[in-house]
Amino acid sequence: MMYQGHPFTQGLPTGVQRVIQSLMGVVSLVVVVVLVVFMVKDLKSKLDAPQVYVSNSTGECVKVVSPKGEQPCKPGDERKYERVWVK
């Protein structure tokens, strides 16, 4: 049995069916590339997130360590961070 193409393209000329199939391939490739770019950006933001050392007894910030080095604690810092509980 010969491949008849996608059901939505049946009845269209063969040239048009081939163009539609090519466009579907390009769209699929673009979607995959966009997803990979977003995944890499998200991974990079997770790896660059500072670690905030928080005292287990007081609940206050002890220190902040980022890829740029140790930084002072800033109240109200709205960045994404990884919380590390310490004694």
PDB file of N, CA and C in Angstrom:
ATOM      1  N   MET A   1       0.846  -1.176   0.000  1.00  0.00           N
ATOM      2  CA  MET A   1       0.000   0.000   0.000  1.00  0.00           C
ATOM      3  C   MET A   1       0.893   1.241   0.000  1.00  0.00           C
ATOM      4  N   MET A   2       0.572   2.187  -0.830  1.00  0.00           N
ATOM      5  CA  MET A   2       1.348   3.412  -0.977  1.00  0.00           C
ATOM      6  C   MET A   2       0.897   4.453   0.049  1.00  0.00           C
ATOM      7  N   TYR A   3       1.875   5.247   0.544  1.00  0.00           N
ATOM      8  CA  TYR A   3       1.569   6.300   1.514  1.00  0.00           C
ATOM      9  C   TYR A   3       0.681   7.349   0.851  1.00  0.00           C
ATOM     10  N   GLN A   4      -0.421   7.664   1.482  1.00  0.00           N
ATOM     11  CA  GLN A   4      -1.391   8.588   0.904  1.00  0.00           C
ATOM     12  C   GLN A   4      -1.240  10.010   1.442  1.00  0.00           C
ATOM     13  N   GLY A   5      -0.326  10.238   2.390  1.00  0.00           N
ATOM     14  CA  GLY A   5      -0.166  11.569   2.958  1.00  0.00           C
ATOM     15  C   GLY A   5      -1.075  11.760   4.159  1.00  0.00           C
ATOM     16  N   HIS A   6      -1.025  12.918   4.710  1.00  0.00           N
ATOM     17  CA  HIS A   6      -1.828  13.252   5.873  1.00  0.00           C
ATOM     18  C   HIS A   6      -3.291  13.349   5.451  1.00  0.00           C
ATOM     19  N   PRO A   7      -4.224  12.914   6.305  1.00  0.00           N
ATOM     20  CA  PRO A   7      -5.642  12.943   5.918  1.00  0.00           C
ATOM     21  C   PRO A   7      -6.145  14.338   5.533  1.00  0.00           C
ATOM     22  N   PHE A   8      -5.579  15.384   6.133  1.00  0.00           N
ATOM     23  CA  PHE A   8      -6.032  16.737   5.825  1.00  0.00           C
ATOM     24  C   PHE A   8      -5.550  17.209   4.458  1.00  0.00           C
ATOM     25  N   THR A   9      -4.522  16.560   3.919  1.00  0.00           N
ATOM     26  CA  THR A   9      -3.997  16.990   2.613  1.00  0.00           C
ATOM     27  C   THR A   9      -4.489  16.106   1.475  1.00  0.00           C
ATOM     28  N   GLN A  10      -5.280  15.101   1.780  1.00  0.00           N
ATOM     29  CA  GLN A  10      -5.785  14.237   0.715  1.00  0.00           C
ATOM     30  C   GLN A  10      -6.657  15.053  -0.235  1.00  0.00           C
ATOM     31  N   GLY A  11      -6.506  14.803  -1.475  1.00  0.00           N
ATOM     32  CA  GLY A  11      -7.276  15.523  -2.479  1.00  0.00           C
ATOM     33  C   GLY A  11      -6.530  16.729  -3.027  1.00  0.00           C
ATOM     34  N   LEU A  12      -5.462  17.139  -2.357  1.00  0.00           N
ATOM     35  CA  LEU A  12      -4.644  18.249  -2.863  1.00  0.00           C
ATOM     36  C   LEU A  12      -3.638  17.709  -3.859  1.00  0.00           C
ATOM     37  N   PRO A  13      -3.170  18.555  -4.763  1.00  0.00           N
ATOM     38  CA  PRO A  13      -2.134  18.107  -5.699  1.00  0.00           C
ATOM     39  C   PRO A  13      -0.885  17.638  -4.948  1.00  0.00           C
ATOM     40  N   THR A  14      -0.145  16.708  -5.553  1.00  0.00           N
ATOM     41  CA  THR A  14       1.038  16.123  -4.911  1.00  0.00           C
ATOM     42  C   THR A  14       2.059  17.186  -4.537  1.00  0.00           C
ATOM     43  N   GLY A  15       2.267  18.187  -5.374  1.00  0.00           N
ATOM     44  CA  GLY A  15       3.226  19.251  -5.076  1.00  0.00           C
ATOM     45  C   GLY A  15       2.853  20.020  -3.813  1.00  0.00           C
ATOM     46  N   VAL A  16       1.588  20.294  -3.668  1.00  0.00           N
ATOM     47  CA  VAL A  16       1.112  21.011  -2.481  1.00  0.00           C
ATOM     48  C   VAL A  16       1.288  20.134  -1.243  1.00  0.00           C
ATOM     49  N   GLN A  17       1.025  18.850  -1.365  1.00  0.00           N
ATOM     50  CA  GLN A  17       1.210  17.933  -0.238  1.00  0.00           C
ATOM     51  C   GLN A  17       2.672  17.924   0.205  1.00  0.00           C
ATOM     52  N   ARG A  18       3.591  17.903  -0.747  1.00  0.00           N
ATOM     53  CA  ARG A  18       5.025  17.898  -0.414  1.00  0.00           C
ATOM     54  C   ARG A  18       5.435  19.199   0.284  1.00  0.00           C
ATOM     55  N   VAL A  19       4.900  20.333  -0.182  1.00  0.00           N
ATOM     56  CA  VAL A  19       5.209  21.613   0.450  1.00  0.00           C
ATOM     57  C   VAL A  19       4.697  21.625   1.886  1.00  0.00           C
ATOM     58  N   ILE A  20       3.488  21.135   2.086  1.00  0.00           N
ATOM     59  CA  ILE A  20       2.908  21.100   3.434  1.00  0.00           C
ATOM     60  C   ILE A  20       3.737  20.188   4.337  1.00  0.00           C
ATOM     61  N   GLN A  21       4.170  19.029   3.822  1.00  0.00           N
ATOM     62  CA  GLN A  21       4.994  18.124   4.621  1.00  0.00           C
ATOM     63  C   GLN A  21       6.333  18.780   4.958  1.00  0.00           C
ATOM     64  N   SER A  22       6.923  19.510   4.025  1.00  0.00           N
ATOM     65  CA  SER A  22       8.187  20.199   4.287  1.00  0.00           C
ATOM     66  C   SER A  22       7.996  21.266   5.357  1.00  0.00           C
ATOM     67  N   LEU A  23       6.901  22.025   5.266  1.00  0.00           N
ATOM     68  CA  LEU A  23       6.630  23.051   6.268  1.00  0.00           C
ATOM     69  C   LEU A  23       6.409  22.435   7.643  1.00  0.00           C
ATOM     70  N   MET A  24       5.751  21.285   7.690  1.00  0.00           N
ATOM     71  CA  MET A  24       5.541  20.612   8.972  1.00  0.00           C
ATOM     72  C   MET A  24       6.879  20.200   9.574  1.00  0.00           C
ATOM     73  N   GLY A  25       7.818  19.776   8.733  1.00  0.00           N
ATOM     74  CA  GLY A  25       9.149  19.419   9.211  1.00  0.00           C
ATOM     75  C   GLY A  25       9.893  20.627   9.751  1.00  0.00           C
ATOM     76  N   VAL A  26       9.789  21.764   9.059  1.00  0.00           N
ATOM     77  CA  VAL A  26      10.448  22.997   9.499  1.00  0.00           C
ATOM     78  C   VAL A  26       9.843  23.480  10.813  1.00  0.00           C
ATOM     79  N   VAL A  27       8.526  23.443  10.919  1.00  0.00           N
ATOM     80  CA  VAL A  27       7.857  23.874  12.148  1.00  0.00           C
ATOM     81  C   VAL A  27       8.279  22.970  13.308  1.00  0.00           C
ATOM     82  N   SER A  28       8.354  21.683  13.083  1.00  0.00           N
ATOM     83  CA  SER A  28       8.787  20.754  14.130  1.00  0.00           C
ATOM     84  C   SER A  28      10.208  21.079  14.578  1.00  0.00           C
ATOM     85  N   LEU A  29      11.091  21.358  13.641  1.00  0.00           N
ATOM     86  CA  LEU A  29      12.471  21.704  13.966  1.00  0.00           C
ATOM     87  C   LEU A  29      12.531  22.993  14.779  1.00  0.00           C
ATOM     88  N   VAL A  30      11.756  23.991  14.390  1.00  0.00           N
ATOM     89  CA  VAL A  30      11.734  25.265  15.123  1.00  0.00           C
ATOM     90  C   VAL A  30      11.237  25.052  16.553  1.00  0.00           C
ATOM     91  N   VAL A  31      10.208  24.256  16.723  1.00  0.00           N
ATOM     92  CA  VAL A  31       9.672  23.983  18.063  1.00  0.00           C
ATOM     93  C   VAL A  31      10.732  23.298  18.925  1.00  0.00           C
ATOM     94  N   VAL A  32      11.439  22.326  18.376  1.00  0.00           N
ATOM     95  CA  VAL A  32      12.487  21.628  19.129  1.00  0.00           C
ATOM     96  C   VAL A  32      13.602  22.588  19.511  1.00  0.00           C
ATOM     97  N   VAL A  33      14.038  23.449  18.587  1.00  0.00           N
ATOM     98  CA  VAL A  33      15.111  24.409  18.875  1.00  0.00           C
ATOM     99  C   VAL A  33      14.676  25.376  19.972  1.00  0.00           C
ATOM    100  N   VAL A  34      13.456  25.873  19.898  1.00  0.00           N
ATOM    101  CA  VAL A  34      12.955  26.804  20.921  1.00  0.00           C
ATOM    102  C   VAL A  34      12.918  26.117  22.289  1.00  0.00           C
ATOM    103  N   LEU A  35      12.448  24.884  22.342  1.00  0.00           N
ATOM    104  CA  LEU A  35      12.409  24.155  23.609  1.00  0.00           C
ATOM    105  C   LEU A  35      13.804  23.951  24.180  1.00  0.00           C
ATOM    106  N   VAL A  36      14.767  23.602  23.341  1.00  0.00           N
ATOM    107  CA  VAL A  36      16.141  23.408  23.807  1.00  0.00           C
ATOM    108  C   VAL A  36      16.716  24.718  24.325  1.00  0.00           C
ATOM    109  N   VAL A  37      16.465  25.827  23.638  1.00  0.00           N
ATOM    110  CA  VAL A  37      16.971  27.131  24.084  1.00  0.00           C
ATOM    111  C   VAL A  37      16.397  27.476  25.456  1.00  0.00           C
ATOM    112  N   PHE A  38      15.103  27.277  25.656  1.00  0.00           N
ATOM    113  CA  PHE A  38      14.499  27.573  26.956  1.00  0.00           C
ATOM    114  C   PHE A  38      15.041  26.656  28.047  1.00  0.00           C
ATOM    115  N   MET A  39      15.278  25.398  27.719  1.00  0.00           N
ATOM    116  CA  MET A  39      15.833  24.474  28.710  1.00  0.00           C
ATOM    117  C   MET A  39      17.250  24.891  29.109  1.00  0.00           C
ATOM    118  N   VAL A  40      18.062  25.307  28.158  1.00  0.00           N
ATOM    119  CA  VAL A  40      19.432  25.744  28.453  1.00  0.00           C
ATOM    120  C   VAL A  40      19.406  27.018  29.290  1.00  0.00           C
ATOM    121  N   LYS A  41      18.512  27.971  28.936  1.00  0.00           N
ATOM    122  CA  LYS A  41      18.395  29.201  29.733  1.00  0.00           C
ATOM    123  C   LYS A  41      17.984  28.889  31.163  1.00  0.00           C
ATOM    124  N   ASP A  42      17.033  27.983  31.339  1.00  0.00           N
ATOM    125  CA  ASP A  42      16.575  27.623  32.671  1.00  0.00           C
ATOM    126  C   ASP A  42      17.687  26.945  33.465  1.00  0.00           C
ATOM    127  N   LEU A  43      18.421  26.048  32.827  1.00  0.00           N
ATOM    128  CA  LEU A  43      19.530  25.381  33.498  1.00  0.00           C
ATOM    129  C   LEU A  43      20.596  26.380  33.907  1.00  0.00           C
ATOM    130  N   LYS A  44      20.896  27.319  33.023  1.00  0.00           N
ATOM    131  CA  LYS A  44      21.903  28.338  33.334  1.00  0.00           C
ATOM    132  C   LYS A  44      21.460  29.192  34.515  1.00  0.00           C
ATOM    133  N   SER A  45      20.187  29.572  34.556  1.00  0.00           N
ATOM    134  CA  SER A  45      19.709  30.392  35.670  1.00  0.00           C
ATOM    135  C   SER A  45      19.746  29.604  36.981  1.00  0.00           C
ATOM    136  N   LYS A  46      19.495  28.287  36.916  1.00  0.00           N
ATOM    137  CA  LYS A  46      19.570  27.462  38.124  1.00  0.00           C
ATOM    138  C   LYS A  46      21.010  27.352  38.613  1.00  0.00           C
ATOM    139  N   LEU A  47      21.956  27.214  37.686  1.00  0.00           N
ATOM    140  CA  LEU A  47      23.359  27.081  38.072  1.00  0.00           C
ATOM    141  C   LEU A  47      23.935  28.403  38.573  1.00  0.00           C
ATOM    142  N   ASP A  48      23.417  29.521  38.089  1.00  0.00           N
ATOM    143  CA  ASP A  48      23.908  30.830  38.505  1.00  0.00           C
ATOM    144  C   ASP A  48      23.210  31.365  39.747  1.00  0.00           C
ATOM    145  N   ALA A  49      22.209  30.650  40.237  1.00  0.00           N
ATOM    146  CA  ALA A  49      21.461  31.119  41.405  1.00  0.00           C
ATOM    147  C   ALA A  49      22.358  31.098  42.638  1.00  0.00           C
ATOM    148  N   PRO A  50      22.322  32.152  43.445  1.00  0.00           N
ATOM    149  CA  PRO A  50      23.154  32.165  44.651  1.00  0.00           C
ATOM    150  C   PRO A  50      22.615  31.191  45.704  1.00  0.00           C
ATOM    151  N   GLN A  51      23.499  30.741  46.573  1.00  0.00           N
ATOM    152  CA  GLN A  51      23.112  29.918  47.714  1.00  0.00           C
ATOM    153  C   GLN A  51      23.013  30.835  48.921  1.00  0.00           C
ATOM    154  N   VAL A  52      21.856  30.829  49.564  1.00  0.00           N
ATOM    155  CA  VAL A  52      21.637  31.655  50.743  1.00  0.00           C
ATOM    156  C   VAL A  52      21.677  30.733  51.955  1.00  0.00           C
ATOM    157  N   TYR A  53      22.659  30.952  52.820  1.00  0.00           N
ATOM    158  CA  TYR A  53      22.812  30.162  54.038  1.00  0.00           C
ATOM    159  C   TYR A  53      21.955  30.804  55.121  1.00  0.00           C
ATOM    160  N   VAL A  54      20.976  30.032  55.617  1.00  0.00           N
ATOM    161  CA  VAL A  54      20.011  30.540  56.592  1.00  0.00           C
ATOM    162  C   VAL A  54      20.182  29.756  57.894  1.00  0.00           C
ATOM    163  N   SER A  55      20.225  30.482  59.005  1.00  0.00           N
ATOM    164  CA  SER A  55      20.355  29.859  60.319  1.00  0.00           C
ATOM    165  C   SER A  55      19.091  29.079  60.643  1.00  0.00           C
ATOM    166  N   ASN A  56      19.274  27.834  61.071  1.00  0.00           N
ATOM    167  CA  ASN A  56      18.143  26.979  61.422  1.00  0.00           C
ATOM    168  C   ASN A  56      17.451  27.483  62.689  1.00  0.00           C
ATOM    169  N   SER A  57      18.211  28.051  63.622  1.00  0.00           N
ATOM    170  CA  SER A  57      17.634  28.484  64.893  1.00  0.00           C
ATOM    171  C   SER A  57      16.955  29.848  64.804  1.00  0.00           C
ATOM    172  N   THR A  58      17.550  30.786  64.039  1.00  0.00           N
ATOM    173  CA  THR A  58      16.987  32.143  63.973  1.00  0.00           C
ATOM    174  C   THR A  58      16.185  32.403  62.711  1.00  0.00           C
ATOM    175  N   GLY A  59      16.453  31.627  61.654  1.00  0.00           N
ATOM    176  CA  GLY A  59      15.767  31.848  60.384  1.00  0.00           C
ATOM    177  C   GLY A  59      16.314  33.036  59.607  1.00  0.00           C
ATOM    178  N   GLU A  60      17.440  33.586  60.049  1.00  0.00           N
ATOM    179  CA  GLU A  60      18.030  34.753  59.384  1.00  0.00           C
ATOM    180  C   GLU A  60      19.169  34.328  58.468  1.00  0.00           C
ATOM    181  N   CYS A  61      19.421  35.160  57.495  1.00  0.00           N
ATOM    182  CA  CYS A  61      20.490  34.925  56.536  1.00  0.00           C
ATOM    183  C   CYS A  61      21.844  35.021  57.241  1.00  0.00           C
ATOM    184  N   VAL A  62      22.717  34.035  56.971  1.00  0.00           N
ATOM    185  CA  VAL A  62      24.060  34.034  57.526  1.00  0.00           C
ATOM    186  C   VAL A  62      25.046  34.569  56.490  1.00  0.00           C
ATOM    187  N   LYS A  63      24.945  34.045  55.262  1.00  0.00           N
ATOM    188  CA  LYS A  63      25.801  34.516  54.169  1.00  0.00           C
ATOM    189  C   LYS A  63      25.172  34.127  52.841  1.00  0.00           C
ATOM    190  N   VAL A  64      25.651  34.764  51.792  1.00  0.00           N
ATOM    191  CA  VAL A  64      25.192  34.487  50.435  1.00  0.00           C
ATOM    192  C   VAL A  64      26.418  34.163  49.598  1.00  0.00           C
ATOM    193  N   VAL A  65      26.389  33.007  48.925  1.00  0.00           N
ATOM    194  CA  VAL A  65      27.498  32.610  48.068  1.00  0.00           C
ATOM    195  C   VAL A  65      26.959  32.477  46.644  1.00  0.00           C
ATOM    196  N   SER A  66      27.556  33.234  45.728  1.00  0.00           N
ATOM    197  CA  SER A  66      27.151  33.183  44.331  1.00  0.00           C
ATOM    198  C   SER A  66      28.362  32.808  43.488  1.00  0.00           C
ATOM    199  N   PRO A  67      28.173  32.555  42.200  1.00  0.00           N
ATOM    200  CA  PRO A  67      29.316  32.264  41.336  1.00  0.00           C
ATOM    201  C   PRO A  67      30.349  33.402  41.326  1.00  0.00           C
ATOM    202  N   LYS A  68      29.932  34.600  41.687  1.00  0.00           N
ATOM    203  CA  LYS A  68      30.842  35.749  41.724  1.00  0.00           C
ATOM    204  C   LYS A  68      31.591  35.840  43.046  1.00  0.00           C
ATOM    205  N   GLY A  69      31.275  34.972  43.993  1.00  0.00           N
ATOM    206  CA  GLY A  69      31.922  34.983  45.297  1.00  0.00           C
ATOM    207  C   GLY A  69      30.923  35.230  46.409  1.00  0.00           C
ATOM    208  N   GLU A  70      31.461  35.378  47.626  1.00  0.00           N
ATOM    209  CA  GLU A  70      30.595  35.604  48.786  1.00  0.00           C
ATOM    210  C   GLU A  70      30.094  37.042  48.793  1.00  0.00           C
ATOM    211  N   GLN A  71      28.827  37.208  49.146  1.00  0.00           N
ATOM    212  CA  GLN A  71      28.203  38.524  49.165  1.00  0.00           C
ATOM    213  C   GLN A  71      27.495  38.727  50.503  1.00  0.00           C
ATOM    214  N   PRO A  72      27.277  39.967  50.896  1.00  0.00           N
ATOM    215  CA  PRO A  72      26.551  40.204  52.145  1.00  0.00           C
ATOM    216  C   PRO A  72      25.060  39.894  51.970  1.00  0.00           C
ATOM    217  N   CYS A  73      24.411  39.606  53.088  1.00  0.00           N
ATOM    218  CA  CYS A  73      22.962  39.374  53.071  1.00  0.00           C
ATOM    219  C   CYS A  73      22.250  40.700  52.854  1.00  0.00           C
ATOM    220  N   LYS A  74      21.289  40.694  51.954  1.00  0.00           N
ATOM    221  CA  LYS A  74      20.498  41.896  51.688  1.00  0.00           C
ATOM    222  C   LYS A  74      19.040  41.581  51.977  1.00  0.00           C
ATOM    223  N   PRO A  75      18.415  42.310  52.879  1.00  0.00           N
ATOM    224  CA  PRO A  75      16.988  42.053  53.142  1.00  0.00           C
ATOM    225  C   PRO A  75      16.143  42.409  51.922  1.00  0.00           C
ATOM    226  N   GLY A  76      15.160  41.582  51.669  1.00  0.00           N
ATOM    227  CA  GLY A  76      14.255  41.854  50.552  1.00  0.00           C
ATOM    228  C   GLY A  76      14.838  41.530  49.200  1.00  0.00           C
ATOM    229  N   ASP A  77      15.893  40.726  49.161  1.00  0.00           N
ATOM    230  CA  ASP A  77      16.496  40.365  47.881  1.00  0.00           C
ATOM    231  C   ASP A  77      15.527  39.450  47.136  1.00  0.00           C
ATOM    232  N   GLU A  78      15.086  39.856  45.939  1.00  0.00           N
ATOM    233  CA  GLU A  78      14.037  39.139  45.209  1.00  0.00           C
ATOM    234  C   GLU A  78      14.577  38.165  44.172  1.00  0.00           C
ATOM    235  N   ARG A  79      15.886  37.933  44.145  1.00  0.00           N
ATOM    236  CA  ARG A  79      16.440  37.007  43.155  1.00  0.00           C
ATOM    237  C   ARG A  79      16.057  35.567  43.485  1.00  0.00           C
ATOM    238  N   LYS A  80      16.149  34.740  42.480  1.00  0.00           N
ATOM    239  CA  LYS A  80      15.972  33.314  42.721  1.00  0.00           C
ATOM    240  C   LYS A  80      17.220  32.823  43.433  1.00  0.00           C
ATOM    241  N   TYR A  81      17.048  31.927  44.386  1.00  0.00           N
ATOM    242  CA  TYR A  81      18.182  31.440  45.136  1.00  0.00           C
ATOM    243  C   TYR A  81      17.916  30.029  45.628  1.00  0.00           C
ATOM    244  N   GLU A  82      18.991  29.390  46.085  1.00  0.00           N
ATOM    245  CA  GLU A  82      18.893  28.079  46.700  1.00  0.00           C
ATOM    246  C   GLU A  82      19.139  28.265  48.194  1.00  0.00           C
ATOM    247  N   ARG A  83      18.221  27.845  49.005  1.00  0.00           N
ATOM    248  CA  ARG A  83      18.343  28.011  50.455  1.00  0.00           C
ATOM    249  C   ARG A  83      19.098  26.825  51.046  1.00  0.00           C
ATOM    250  N   VAL A  84      20.106  27.112  51.867  1.00  0.00           N
ATOM    251  CA  VAL A  84      20.885  26.099  52.570  1.00  0.00           C
ATOM    252  C   VAL A  84      20.729  26.369  54.058  1.00  0.00           C
ATOM    253  N   TRP A  85      20.222  25.383  54.797  1.00  0.00           N
ATOM    254  CA  TRP A  85      20.016  25.555  56.239  1.00  0.00           C
ATOM    255  C   TRP A  85      21.294  25.196  56.973  1.00  0.00           C
ATOM    256  N   VAL A  86      21.702  26.041  57.916  1.00  0.00           N
ATOM    257  CA  VAL A  86      22.895  25.812  58.716  1.00  0.00           C
ATOM    258  C   VAL A  86      22.561  25.975  60.198  1.00  0.00           C
ATOM    259  N   LYS A  87      23.448  25.460  61.066  1.00  0.00           N
ATOM    260  CA  LYS A  87      23.232  25.595  62.517  1.00  0.00           C
ATOM    261  C   LYS A  87      23.664  26.952  62.990  1.00  0.00           C
TER     262      LYS A  87
END
